[in-house]
């Protein structure tokens, strides 16, 4: 149960997951999580002066990292409810150990929003991602543009297209400053799609108004 061994096991599980070796990946994730849970429980019973605080903290954070990595795997395999549970547990540890403004806490908060969004829980997802975006901007997080992009997507799912457009523009500015060309191209495509969607909605409303006008005219002729 040495942390170095567990960290290597977690990396190996992630490699298996990338290779679609699901049986081995699951075994790896479960081994890491169960072993770390047992270790955390033992450390709670160990006298404070018998174990360095740094080791306690590292063990807790490694458990959070394992839960987060497993949640990503679950989300990729469309097991969104279970992924949500894993993210919630990881976030609880991150908040307790590192606090809300820590970079990793912000990332887990954003990931939890993604899991909630995938289940159609848009209000809950918005609550998480909007806070993550706020913290990311305040702390100049390296993934600020990624989190803003996620916020914009969730706003679209909530039907808040104007707000989504503004957030995308902010995300684009941040992505350009960071030199993330892939993100820049993605956000520009999303802005283009959003503009098309807006035009289609406008046409739809115009068509509906014309139909209503036609009905009114027909009724007038009948009278």
Protein backbone atom coordinates (compact mmCIF):
# COMPACT_ATOMS: atom_id res chain seq x y z
CA UNK A 1 0.00 0.00 0.00
CA UNK A 2 2.96 2.34 -0.52
CA UNK A 3 1.80 5.57 -2.17
CA UNK A 4 4.47 5.33 -4.89
CA UNK A 5 3.25 1.85 -5.84
CA UNK A 6 -0.36 3.01 -5.84
CA UNK A 7 0.47 6.01 -8.00
CA UNK A 8 2.18 3.76 -10.56
CA UNK A 9 -0.81 1.40 -10.44
CA UNK A 10 -3.12 4.33 -11.17
CA UNK A 11 -1.03 5.37 -14.16
CA UNK A 12 -1.04 1.79 -15.41
CA UNK A 13 -4.84 1.63 -15.09
CA UNK A 14 -5.09 4.80 -17.17
CA UNK A 15 -2.87 3.23 -19.84
CA UNK A 16 -5.08 0.13 -19.93
CA UNK A 17 -8.12 2.40 -20.24
CA UNK A 18 -6.54 4.21 -23.21
CA UNK A 19 -5.92 0.82 -24.85
CA UNK A 20 -9.55 -0.24 -24.24
CA UNK A 21 -8.41 -3.07 -21.98
CA UNK A 22 -11.41 -2.51 -19.74
CA UNK A 23 -11.01 -5.54 -17.47
CA UNK A 24 -7.46 -4.56 -16.53
CA UNK A 25 -8.35 -0.88 -16.24
CA UNK A 26 -11.24 -1.58 -13.87
CA UNK A 27 -9.11 -3.91 -11.77
CA UNK A 28 -6.47 -1.19 -11.51
CA UNK A 29 -8.86 1.60 -10.54
CA UNK A 30 -10.66 -0.55 -7.98
CA UNK A 31 -7.38 -1.76 -6.48
CA UNK A 32 -6.14 1.80 -6.03
CA UNK A 33 -9.38 3.13 -4.57
CA UNK A 34 -10.03 0.23 -2.17
CA UNK A 35 -6.41 0.12 -0.98
CA UNK A 36 -6.29 3.87 -0.41
CA UNK A 37 -9.63 3.84 1.43
CA UNK A 38 -8.25 1.20 3.80
CA UNK A 39 -5.03 3.15 4.21
CA UNK A 40 -6.88 6.39 5.01
CA UNK A 41 -8.98 4.54 7.61
CA UNK A 42 -5.81 3.14 9.25
CA UNK A 43 -4.14 6.54 9.25
CA UNK A 44 -7.12 8.06 11.08
CA UNK A 45 -6.52 5.58 13.90
CA UNK A 46 -2.77 6.28 13.99
CA UNK A 47 -1.62 8.81 16.61
CA UNK A 48 -0.75 12.22 15.18
CA UNK A 49 2.85 12.09 16.40
CA UNK A 50 3.40 8.64 14.87
CA UNK A 51 2.76 9.69 11.25
CA UNK A 52 3.93 12.80 9.38
CA UNK A 53 1.06 15.10 8.38
CA UNK A 54 2.46 15.29 4.86
CA UNK A 55 1.96 11.55 4.41
CA UNK A 56 -1.64 11.77 5.57
CA UNK A 57 -2.31 14.61 3.15
CA UNK A 58 -0.61 12.83 0.24
CA UNK A 59 -2.65 9.68 0.85
CA UNK A 60 -5.91 11.65 0.85
CA UNK A 61 -4.97 13.49 -2.32
CA UNK A 62 -3.93 10.26 -4.05
CA UNK A 63 -7.36 8.83 -3.22
CA UNK A 64 -8.98 11.93 -4.73
CA UNK A 65 -6.79 11.55 -7.82
CA UNK A 66 -7.81 7.88 -8.14
CA UNK A 67 -11.50 8.73 -7.80
CA UNK A 68 -11.14 11.49 -10.40
CA UNK A 69 -9.32 9.23 -12.86
CA UNK A 70 -11.88 6.46 -12.41
CA UNK A 71 -14.70 8.98 -12.89
CA UNK A 72 -13.18 10.06 -16.22
CA UNK A 73 -13.13 6.42 -17.31
CA UNK A 74 -16.76 5.96 -16.27
CA UNK A 75 -17.82 9.14 -18.05
CA UNK A 76 -16.12 7.97 -21.25
CA UNK A 77 -18.12 4.74 -20.95
CA UNK A 78 -21.42 6.61 -20.42
CA UNK A 79 -21.78 5.54 -16.77
CA UNK A 80 -22.63 9.09 -15.85
CA UNK A 81 -24.42 8.54 -12.52
CA UNK A 82 -21.53 6.53 -11.08
CA UNK A 83 -19.05 9.03 -12.52
CA UNK A 84 -20.95 11.79 -10.70
CA UNK A 85 -20.57 9.90 -7.41
CA UNK A 86 -16.83 9.47 -7.91
CA UNK A 87 -16.39 13.15 -8.80
CA UNK A 88 -18.39 14.22 -5.76
CA UNK A 89 -16.16 12.13 -3.49
CA UNK A 90 -13.01 13.49 -5.15
CA UNK A 91 -14.27 17.06 -4.82
CA UNK A 92 -15.09 16.58 -1.13
CA UNK A 93 -11.50 15.48 -0.44
CA UNK A 94 -10.02 18.26 -2.60
CA UNK A 95 -12.05 20.88 -0.75
CA UNK A 96 -11.10 19.50 2.66
CA UNK A 97 -7.39 19.16 1.93
CA UNK A 98 -6.57 21.89 -0.61
CA UNK A 99 -9.46 24.34 -0.37
CA UNK A 100 -11.73 25.78 -3.05
CA UNK A 101 -9.15 27.91 -4.87
CA UNK A 102 -6.61 25.13 -5.50
CA UNK A 103 -6.10 24.36 -9.23
CA UNK A 104 -6.98 20.68 -8.87
CA UNK A 105 -10.13 21.47 -6.89
CA UNK A 106 -11.29 23.75 -9.71
CA UNK A 107 -10.64 21.01 -12.30
CA UNK A 108 -12.64 18.42 -10.33
CA UNK A 109 -15.47 20.94 -9.90
CA UNK A 110 -15.56 21.42 -13.68
CA UNK A 111 -15.45 17.66 -14.28
CA UNK A 112 -18.37 17.14 -11.90
CA UNK A 113 -20.33 19.71 -13.92
CA UNK A 114 -19.66 17.68 -17.06
CA UNK A 115 -21.05 14.52 -15.44
CA UNK A 116 -24.15 16.38 -14.28
CA UNK A 117 -24.63 17.96 -17.71
CA UNK A 118 -24.42 14.54 -19.37
CA UNK A 119 -27.41 13.44 -17.26
CA UNK A 120 -29.48 16.47 -18.22
CA UNK A 121 -29.07 18.01 -14.75
CA UNK A 122 -28.37 21.41 -16.25
CA UNK A 123 -29.11 23.58 -13.21
CA UNK A 124 -26.84 21.51 -10.97
CA UNK A 125 -24.18 21.46 -13.68
CA UNK A 126 -24.40 25.22 -14.09
CA UNK A 127 -23.96 25.76 -10.34
CA UNK A 128 -20.70 23.78 -10.39
CA UNK A 129 -19.23 25.08 -13.64
CA UNK A 130 -20.07 28.73 -13.01
CA UNK A 131 -18.24 28.58 -9.68
CA UNK A 132 -15.33 26.74 -11.29
CA UNK A 133 -15.14 29.41 -14.02
CA UNK A 134 -15.23 32.19 -11.45
CA UNK A 135 -12.41 30.63 -9.43
CA UNK A 136 -10.39 29.86 -12.57
CA UNK A 137 -10.51 33.50 -13.67
CA UNK A 138 -9.66 34.78 -10.19
CA UNK A 139 -6.64 32.48 -9.86
CA UNK A 140 -5.56 32.67 -13.53
CA UNK A 141 -5.93 28.90 -13.86
CA UNK A 142 -4.11 27.36 -16.83
CA UNK A 143 -7.35 25.67 -17.94
CA UNK A 144 -9.52 28.79 -17.69
CA UNK A 145 -10.48 28.71 -21.37
CA UNK A 146 -11.40 25.01 -21.12
CA UNK A 147 -13.65 25.65 -18.13
CA UNK A 148 -15.25 28.67 -19.81
CA UNK A 149 -15.88 26.56 -22.89
CA UNK A 150 -17.66 24.00 -20.71
CA UNK A 151 -19.70 26.78 -19.10
CA UNK A 152 -20.79 28.02 -22.54
CA UNK A 153 -21.88 24.52 -23.56
CA UNK A 154 -23.97 24.11 -20.42
CA UNK A 155 -25.55 27.54 -20.98
CA UNK A 156 -26.60 26.36 -24.45
CA UNK A 157 -28.24 23.30 -22.90
CA UNK A 158 -30.12 25.68 -20.59
CA UNK A 159 -31.27 27.66 -23.63
CA UNK A 160 -29.26 30.75 -22.66
CA UNK A 161 -27.71 31.43 -26.06
CA UNK A 162 -26.77 35.08 -25.62
CA UNK A 163 -24.90 34.36 -22.40
CA UNK A 164 -23.21 31.37 -24.05
CA UNK A 165 -22.00 33.59 -26.89
CA UNK A 166 -20.42 36.05 -24.45
CA UNK A 167 -18.71 33.27 -22.52
CA UNK A 168 -17.37 31.74 -25.75
CA UNK A 169 -15.90 35.13 -26.69
CA UNK A 170 -14.15 35.37 -23.34
CA UNK A 171 -12.91 31.79 -23.68
CA UNK A 172 -11.59 32.63 -27.15
CA UNK A 173 -9.61 35.58 -25.82
CA UNK A 174 -8.06 33.46 -23.07
CA UNK A 175 -7.29 30.61 -25.46
CA UNK A 176 -5.58 33.00 -27.88
CA UNK A 177 -3.45 34.47 -25.09
CA UNK A 178 -2.45 31.00 -23.90
CA UNK A 179 -1.51 29.93 -27.44
CA UNK A 180 -3.86 26.94 -27.47
CA UNK A 181 -4.54 26.74 -31.21
CA UNK A 182 -6.72 23.63 -30.95
CA UNK A 183 -9.01 25.32 -28.42
CA UNK A 184 -9.15 28.49 -30.53
CA UNK A 185 -10.33 26.57 -33.59
CA UNK A 186 -12.87 24.61 -31.54
CA UNK A 187 -14.36 27.73 -29.92
CA UNK A 188 -14.58 29.51 -33.29
CA UNK A 189 -16.51 26.53 -34.69
CA UNK A 190 -18.84 26.64 -31.70
CA UNK A 191 -19.45 30.36 -32.21
CA UNK A 192 -20.25 29.71 -35.88
CA UNK A 193 -22.71 26.95 -34.93
CA UNK A 194 -24.30 29.22 -32.34
CA UNK A 195 -24.78 31.96 -34.97
CA UNK A 196 -26.40 29.44 -37.34
CA UNK A 197 -28.71 28.26 -34.57
CA UNK A 198 -29.70 31.86 -33.87
CA UNK A 199 -30.51 32.45 -37.56
CA UNK A 200 -32.59 29.28 -37.70
CA UNK A 201 -34.56 30.34 -34.64
CA UNK A 202 -35.18 33.75 -36.20
CA UNK A 203 -36.41 32.15 -39.42
CA UNK A 204 -38.62 29.82 -37.42
CA UNK A 205 -40.24 32.71 -35.61
CA UNK A 206 -40.72 34.62 -38.88
CA UNK A 207 -42.32 31.58 -40.46
CA UNK A 208 -44.65 31.19 -37.49
CA UNK A 209 -45.66 34.84 -37.68
CA UNK A 210 -46.36 34.52 -41.43
CA UNK A 211 -48.48 31.41 -40.77
CA UNK A 212 -50.46 33.22 -38.08
CA UNK A 213 -50.96 36.16 -40.43
CA UNK A 214 -52.18 33.80 -43.14
CA UNK A 215 -54.66 32.21 -40.73
CA UNK A 216 -55.94 35.63 -39.70
CA UNK A 217 -56.41 36.57 -43.36
CA UNK A 218 -58.27 33.35 -44.13
CA UNK A 219 -60.56 33.85 -41.16
CA UNK A 220 -61.24 37.42 -42.33
CA UNK A 221 -62.21 36.12 -45.79
CA UNK A 222 -64.60 33.59 -44.24
CA UNK A 223 -66.26 36.35 -42.25
